[in-house]
Amino acid sequence: DLLLSNSCIPFLGSTEGLDFRTLLLDEERGRLLIGAKDHIFLLNLVDVNKNVKKIYWPAAKEKVELCKLAGKDAHTECANFIRVLQPYNRTHVYVCGTGAFHPLCGYIELG
């Protein structure tokens, strides 16, 4: 119904089926951060398909191999699923991912 009434703009930037998991709304700067499988997206709230920025952050290859050796599914479990997007200060966001069952965290500068 929303699409038919032109009441929304669908995000077209990801055709890979990246399993979106977490969102962080930055109203002050008019941005939306989306945590996905191996990616973090930074979208413009006015037009989510304009100037999309994407950070590719996969799990380390050796961690993916260990995950597969443990019997986990390579496509649905052995990746870096972004689970935490938390404002840290005015310039950075704290980010954590699963890291193929070896969690890792870091900071992203939003400049």
C-alpha atoms as a PDB file:
ATOM      1  CA  ASP A   1       0.000   0.000   0.000  1.00  0.00           C
ATOM      2  CA  LEU A   2       2.818   2.407   0.820  1.00  0.00           C
ATOM      3  CA  LEU A   3       4.474   1.847  -2.549  1.00  0.00           C
ATOM      4  CA  LEU A   4       1.218   2.271  -4.428  1.00  0.00           C
ATOM      5  CA  SER A   5       0.456   5.539  -2.639  1.00  0.00           C
ATOM      6  CA  ASN A   6       4.006   6.892  -3.194  1.00  0.00           C
ATOM      7  CA  SER A   7       4.328   7.301   0.573  1.00  0.00           C
ATOM      8  CA  CYS A   8       7.737   5.692   0.833  1.00  0.00           C
ATOM      9  CA  ILE A   9      11.050   5.323  -0.959  1.00  0.00           C
ATOM     10  CA  PRO A  10      12.381   1.742  -0.870  1.00  0.00           C
ATOM     11  CA  PHE A  11      16.115   1.269  -0.331  1.00  0.00           C
ATOM     12  CA  LEU A  12      17.466  -0.111  -3.614  1.00  0.00           C
ATOM     13  CA  GLY A  13      21.156  -0.099  -2.706  1.00  0.00           C
ATOM     14  CA  SER A  14      21.434  -3.725  -1.736  1.00  0.00           C
ATOM     15  CA  THR A  15      20.559  -6.486  -4.144  1.00  0.00           C
ATOM     16  CA  GLU A  16      22.779  -8.990  -2.329  1.00  0.00           C
ATOM     17  CA  GLY A  17      20.202  -9.856   0.365  1.00  0.00           C
ATOM     18  CA  LEU A  18      22.432  -8.674   3.167  1.00  0.00           C
ATOM     19  CA  ASP A  19      20.258  -9.581   6.161  1.00  0.00           C
ATOM     20  CA  PHE A  20      19.675  -6.200   7.836  1.00  0.00           C
ATOM     21  CA  ARG A  21      19.799  -6.491  11.630  1.00  0.00           C
ATOM     22  CA  THR A  22      20.296  -3.155  13.354  1.00  0.00           C
ATOM     23  CA  LEU A  23      19.526   0.518  12.730  1.00  0.00           C
ATOM     24  CA  LEU A  24      20.788   3.793  14.134  1.00  0.00           C
ATOM     25  CA  LEU A  25      18.907   7.000  13.351  1.00  0.00           C
ATOM     26  CA  ASP A  26      21.056  10.156  13.331  1.00  0.00           C
ATOM     27  CA  GLU A  27      18.374  12.837  13.114  1.00  0.00           C
ATOM     28  CA  GLU A  28      20.844  15.649  13.757  1.00  0.00           C
ATOM     29  CA  ARG A  29      22.738  14.885  10.524  1.00  0.00           C
ATOM     30  CA  GLY A  30      19.780  13.421   8.612  1.00  0.00           C
ATOM     31  CA  ARG A  31      21.307   9.958   8.295  1.00  0.00           C
ATOM     32  CA  LEU A  32      20.403   6.348   8.928  1.00  0.00           C
ATOM     33  CA  LEU A  33      23.024   3.696   9.652  1.00  0.00           C
ATOM     34  CA  ILE A  34      22.099   0.105   8.890  1.00  0.00           C
ATOM     35  CA  GLY A  35      24.012  -2.931  10.122  1.00  0.00           C
ATOM     36  CA  ALA A  36      23.876  -5.930   7.815  1.00  0.00           C
ATOM     37  CA  LYS A  37      25.805  -9.053   6.884  1.00  0.00           C
ATOM     38  CA  ASP A  38      29.435  -7.939   6.347  1.00  0.00           C
ATOM     39  CA  HIS A  39      28.327  -4.330   5.666  1.00  0.00           C
ATOM     40  CA  ILE A  40      27.408  -1.059   7.308  1.00  0.00           C
ATOM     41  CA  PHE A  41      25.317   1.335   5.228  1.00  0.00           C
ATOM     42  CA  LEU A  42      25.059   5.086   5.754  1.00  0.00           C
ATOM     43  CA  LEU A  43      21.929   6.507   4.125  1.00  0.00           C
ATOM     44  CA  ASN A  44      20.537   9.991   3.599  1.00  0.00           C
ATOM     45  CA  LEU A  45      17.100  10.336   5.245  1.00  0.00           C
ATOM     46  CA  VAL A  46      15.749  12.588   2.485  1.00  0.00           C
ATOM     47  CA  ASP A  47      16.553  10.060  -0.254  1.00  0.00           C
ATOM     48  CA  VAL A  48      17.850   6.705   0.964  1.00  0.00           C
ATOM     49  CA  ASN A  49      19.166   5.859  -2.515  1.00  0.00           C
ATOM     50  CA  LYS A  50      21.218   9.042  -3.001  1.00  0.00           C
ATOM     51  CA  ASN A  51      24.930   9.003  -2.125  1.00  0.00           C
ATOM     52  CA  VAL A  52      24.743   5.679  -0.280  1.00  0.00           C
ATOM     53  CA  LYS A  53      27.954   4.983   1.579  1.00  0.00           C
ATOM     54  CA  LYS A  54      28.870   1.388   2.352  1.00  0.00           C
ATOM     55  CA  ILE A  55      31.581  -0.098   4.552  1.00  0.00           C
ATOM     56  CA  TYR A  56      32.545  -3.677   3.800  1.00  0.00           C
ATOM     57  CA  TRP A  57      33.546  -5.342   7.083  1.00  0.00           C
ATOM     58  CA  PRO A  58      33.728  -9.132   6.707  1.00  0.00           C
ATOM     59  CA  ALA A  59      34.925 -11.617   9.289  1.00  0.00           C
ATOM     60  CA  ALA A  60      38.560 -12.680   8.981  1.00  0.00           C
ATOM     61  CA  LYS A  61      39.027 -15.534   6.504  1.00  0.00           C
ATOM     62  CA  GLU A  62      40.541 -17.809   9.147  1.00  0.00           C
ATOM     63  CA  LYS A  63      37.538 -17.212  11.441  1.00  0.00           C
ATOM     64  CA  VAL A  64      35.149 -18.072   8.595  1.00  0.00           C
ATOM     65  CA  GLU A  65      37.074 -21.303   7.963  1.00  0.00           C
ATOM     66  CA  LEU A  66      36.944 -22.235  11.670  1.00  0.00           C
ATOM     67  CA  CYS A  67      33.215 -21.533  11.647  1.00  0.00           C
ATOM     68  CA  LYS A  68      32.683 -23.843   8.664  1.00  0.00           C
ATOM     69  CA  LEU A  69      34.834 -26.549  10.263  1.00  0.00           C
ATOM     70  CA  ALA A  70      32.578 -26.337  13.329  1.00  0.00           C
ATOM     71  CA  GLY A  71      29.671 -27.374  11.098  1.00  0.00           C
ATOM     72  CA  LYS A  72      28.043 -23.959  10.722  1.00  0.00           C
ATOM     73  CA  ASP A  73      26.452 -22.857   7.464  1.00  0.00           C
ATOM     74  CA  ALA A  74      28.896 -20.765   5.408  1.00  0.00           C
ATOM     75  CA  HIS A  75      26.203 -18.454   4.005  1.00  0.00           C
ATOM     76  CA  THR A  76      23.896 -17.924   6.965  1.00  0.00           C
ATOM     77  CA  GLU A  77      26.194 -18.181  10.008  1.00  0.00           C
ATOM     78  CA  CYS A  78      29.857 -17.693   9.080  1.00  0.00           C
ATOM     79  CA  ALA A  79      29.954 -13.963   8.456  1.00  0.00           C
ATOM     80  CA  ASN A  80      30.235 -10.697  10.358  1.00  0.00           C
ATOM     81  CA  PHE A  81      26.633  -9.830  11.188  1.00  0.00           C
ATOM     82  CA  ILE A  82      26.573  -6.270  12.521  1.00  0.00           C
ATOM     83  CA  ARG A  83      24.632  -6.320  15.805  1.00  0.00           C
ATOM     84  CA  VAL A  84      25.528  -3.052  17.564  1.00  0.00           C
ATOM     85  CA  LEU A  85      25.461   0.516  16.256  1.00  0.00           C
ATOM     86  CA  GLN A  86      25.778   2.882  19.202  1.00  0.00           C
ATOM     87  CA  PRO A  87      26.586   6.612  19.216  1.00  0.00           C
ATOM     88  CA  TYR A  88      29.933   7.153  20.934  1.00  0.00           C
ATOM     89  CA  ASN A  89      30.404  10.893  20.564  1.00  0.00           C
ATOM     90  CA  ARG A  90      29.655  13.605  17.981  1.00  0.00           C
ATOM     91  CA  THR A  91      32.092  12.134  15.445  1.00  0.00           C
ATOM     92  CA  HIS A  92      32.132   8.371  16.054  1.00  0.00           C
ATOM     93  CA  VAL A  93      29.822   5.365  16.292  1.00  0.00           C
ATOM     94  CA  TYR A  94      30.703   2.212  18.225  1.00  0.00           C
ATOM     95  CA  VAL A  95      30.074  -0.892  16.085  1.00  0.00           C
ATOM     96  CA  CYS A  96      30.153  -4.600  16.933  1.00  0.00           C
ATOM     97  CA  GLY A  97      29.700  -7.654  14.742  1.00  0.00           C
ATOM     98  CA  THR A  98      29.590 -11.394  15.251  1.00  0.00           C
ATOM     99  CA  GLY A  99      32.844 -12.009  13.354  1.00  0.00           C
ATOM    100  CA  ALA A 100      31.876 -15.600  12.419  1.00  0.00           C
ATOM    101  CA  PHE A 101      31.452 -16.505  16.120  1.00  0.00           C
ATOM    102  CA  HIS A 102      34.510 -14.425  17.106  1.00  0.00           C
ATOM    103  CA  PRO A 103      32.944 -11.040  18.010  1.00  0.00           C
ATOM    104  CA  LEU A 104      34.766  -7.857  17.110  1.00  0.00           C
ATOM    105  CA  CYS A 105      34.075  -4.185  17.752  1.00  0.00           C
ATOM    106  CA  GLY A 106      35.425  -0.881  16.525  1.00  0.00           C
ATOM    107  CA  TYR A 107      34.708   2.786  15.963  1.00  0.00           C
ATOM    108  CA  ILE A 108      33.545   4.434  12.770  1.00  0.00           C
ATOM    109  CA  GLU A 109      34.316   8.080  12.138  1.00  0.00           C
ATOM    110  CA  LEU A 110      31.269   9.738  10.615  1.00  0.00           C
ATOM    111  CA  GLY A 111      33.092  12.658   8.952  1.00  0.00           C
END
